[in-house]
């Protein structure tokens, strides 16, 4: 089964970051025109994740032609749990494979390729790096990565 893709509106914005962290293709919609978000979801076969009850009343959603989940909690842990249960998501994901900022697949980079773009201590203590081809943000497996990994494990198991 193909992994679902999501469009997340700004009222559950943190959820987008965490879904990306889990490796799920997630577009963050920051506009106010719900019709535009619905159009994106239809065109790209995405599930809408929202706290906006008005979106849930749209004919495309009520007829089942467009999948949308009304997120009930304001806590990201509960939001992930709700999405996981609603879509019966398996923990078969590619963590840390997408840029947390712009949702693009990350590419591996050598130490030399990032030498001038990471702190000296990071360069000295890490050998593996990933980079976003669009925004050029560089990622490495430091203490922040470890903390996010532990939190993701709790989300998935919880």
Protein backbone atom coordinates (compact mmCIF):
# COMPACT_ATOMS: atom_id res chain seq x y z
CA UNK A 1 0.00 0.00 0.00
CA UNK A 2 1.27 3.46 -0.91
CA UNK A 3 1.96 5.86 1.95
CA UNK A 4 -0.62 8.63 2.26
CA UNK A 5 0.26 12.21 1.44
CA UNK A 6 -1.14 15.06 3.47
CA UNK A 7 -2.09 18.71 3.29
CA UNK A 8 -2.15 20.31 6.73
CA UNK A 9 -3.70 23.69 7.38
CA UNK A 10 -2.26 26.33 9.63
CA UNK A 11 -4.43 25.45 12.61
CA UNK A 12 -2.44 22.20 13.06
CA UNK A 13 0.90 23.45 11.73
CA UNK A 14 3.18 21.55 14.12
CA UNK A 15 1.65 18.33 12.85
CA UNK A 16 3.15 19.00 9.40
CA UNK A 17 6.68 19.08 10.82
CA UNK A 18 6.24 15.84 12.72
CA UNK A 19 4.67 14.02 9.77
CA UNK A 20 7.61 15.16 7.61
CA UNK A 21 9.96 13.95 10.30
CA UNK A 22 8.28 10.54 10.01
CA UNK A 23 8.85 10.63 6.24
CA UNK A 24 5.31 11.44 5.12
CA UNK A 25 4.95 13.88 2.22
CA UNK A 26 3.14 16.77 3.92
CA UNK A 27 2.25 20.12 2.41
CA UNK A 28 1.69 22.96 4.87
CA UNK A 29 -1.14 25.21 3.70
CA UNK A 30 -0.84 28.67 5.23
CA UNK A 31 -3.54 30.38 3.19
CA UNK A 32 -7.02 31.46 4.15
CA UNK A 33 -8.79 30.20 1.02
CA UNK A 34 -10.06 26.75 1.94
CA UNK A 35 -11.05 26.16 -1.69
CA UNK A 36 -7.38 26.38 -2.67
CA UNK A 37 -6.43 23.80 -0.04
CA UNK A 38 -9.20 21.49 -1.24
CA UNK A 39 -7.97 21.91 -4.83
CA UNK A 40 -4.43 20.96 -3.78
CA UNK A 41 -5.73 17.91 -1.93
CA UNK A 42 -7.76 16.77 -4.97
CA UNK A 43 -5.04 17.42 -7.54
CA UNK A 44 -2.32 15.68 -5.52
CA UNK A 45 -4.43 12.97 -3.87
CA UNK A 46 -3.72 14.25 -0.35
CA UNK A 47 -5.58 13.76 2.91
CA UNK A 48 -6.61 17.04 4.54
CA UNK A 49 -5.75 17.38 8.23
CA UNK A 50 -7.55 20.27 9.90
CA UNK A 51 -9.33 21.55 12.97
CA UNK A 52 -11.70 23.58 10.76
CA UNK A 53 -15.19 22.09 11.01
CA UNK A 54 -16.34 23.98 7.89
CA UNK A 55 -14.00 21.95 5.67
CA UNK A 56 -15.59 18.78 6.99
CA UNK A 57 -19.00 20.01 5.73
CA UNK A 58 -17.89 20.34 2.12
CA UNK A 59 -19.65 18.02 -0.32
CA UNK A 60 -16.34 16.52 -1.54
CA UNK A 61 -15.59 15.45 2.02
CA UNK A 62 -19.08 14.31 3.04
CA UNK A 63 -19.43 12.27 -0.16
CA UNK A 64 -16.12 10.52 0.47
CA UNK A 65 -14.48 11.77 -2.74
CA UNK A 66 -11.91 13.64 -0.67
CA UNK A 67 -10.43 12.31 2.56
CA UNK A 68 -10.23 14.74 5.46
CA UNK A 69 -9.64 14.21 9.15
CA UNK A 70 -10.95 16.64 11.73
CA UNK A 71 -8.16 16.85 14.27
CA UNK A 72 -9.64 17.01 17.76
CA UNK A 73 -6.65 17.80 19.98
CA UNK A 74 -4.33 20.77 20.14
CA UNK A 75 -1.45 18.55 21.32
CA UNK A 76 0.76 17.19 18.55
CA UNK A 77 1.20 13.81 20.28
CA UNK A 78 -2.56 13.27 20.26
CA UNK A 79 -2.83 14.57 16.71
CA UNK A 80 -0.32 12.01 15.45
CA UNK A 81 -2.09 9.26 17.37
CA UNK A 82 -5.42 10.28 15.81
CA UNK A 83 -4.00 10.31 12.26
CA UNK A 84 -2.25 6.98 12.85
CA UNK A 85 -5.48 5.37 14.07
CA UNK A 86 -7.78 6.97 11.46
CA UNK A 87 -5.63 5.81 8.56
CA UNK A 88 -4.36 2.62 10.16
CA UNK A 89 -0.81 3.79 9.52
CA UNK A 90 1.91 1.25 9.92
CA UNK A 91 5.21 2.48 11.33
CA UNK A 92 6.81 1.79 7.95
CA UNK A 93 8.18 5.21 7.26
CA UNK A 94 11.47 6.79 6.33
CA UNK A 95 12.29 9.02 9.29
CA UNK A 96 14.35 12.11 8.62
CA UNK A 97 14.21 11.67 4.84
CA UNK A 98 12.33 14.92 4.11
CA UNK A 99 13.24 18.53 4.80
CA UNK A 100 11.32 19.75 7.84
CA UNK A 101 11.02 23.20 6.28
CA UNK A 102 10.05 22.58 2.65
CA UNK A 103 9.10 18.88 2.39
CA UNK A 104 11.74 17.98 -0.22
CA UNK A 105 13.62 14.65 -0.15
CA UNK A 106 17.02 15.05 1.48
CA UNK A 107 20.25 14.05 -0.25
CA UNK A 108 23.39 12.67 1.35
CA UNK A 109 26.38 15.00 1.54
CA UNK A 110 30.02 14.38 2.37
CA UNK A 111 31.81 16.15 5.20
CA UNK A 112 33.75 18.23 2.69
CA UNK A 113 30.54 19.38 0.97
CA UNK A 114 29.20 20.88 4.21
CA UNK A 115 32.45 21.94 5.87
CA UNK A 116 31.79 25.68 5.60
CA UNK A 117 28.10 25.37 6.47
CA UNK A 118 28.07 23.56 9.81
CA UNK A 119 29.53 24.59 13.17
CA UNK A 120 33.16 23.56 13.70
CA UNK A 121 32.28 21.22 16.57
CA UNK A 122 29.64 19.48 14.45
CA UNK A 123 32.12 19.07 11.58
CA UNK A 124 34.66 17.60 13.97
CA UNK A 125 32.26 15.14 15.63
CA UNK A 126 29.93 14.00 12.82
CA UNK A 127 30.47 12.16 9.56
CA UNK A 128 26.97 11.81 8.07
CA UNK A 129 25.06 14.77 6.64
CA UNK A 130 21.89 15.31 4.64
CA UNK A 131 20.93 18.43 2.68
CA UNK A 132 17.73 19.79 1.23
CA UNK A 133 18.21 20.46 -2.50
CA UNK A 134 15.72 23.35 -2.36
CA UNK A 135 16.45 25.40 0.77
CA UNK A 136 19.95 23.93 1.33
CA UNK A 137 19.38 23.31 5.02
CA UNK A 138 21.92 20.80 6.35
CA UNK A 139 20.95 18.05 8.80
CA UNK A 140 23.11 15.75 10.95
CA UNK A 141 22.45 13.22 13.69
CA UNK A 142 23.25 15.25 16.78
CA UNK A 143 21.57 15.47 20.17
CA UNK A 144 18.52 17.21 18.69
CA UNK A 145 18.07 14.32 16.25
CA UNK A 146 18.36 11.82 19.10
CA UNK A 147 15.72 13.64 21.15
CA UNK A 148 13.34 13.79 18.18
CA UNK A 149 13.89 10.07 17.50
CA UNK A 150 12.94 9.18 21.07
CA UNK A 151 9.86 11.38 20.87
CA UNK A 152 8.86 9.85 17.52
CA UNK A 153 9.16 6.37 19.02
CA UNK A 154 6.77 7.41 21.80
CA UNK A 155 4.31 8.86 19.26
CA UNK A 156 4.35 5.71 17.17
CA UNK A 157 4.04 3.27 20.04
CA UNK A 158 1.53 5.43 21.93
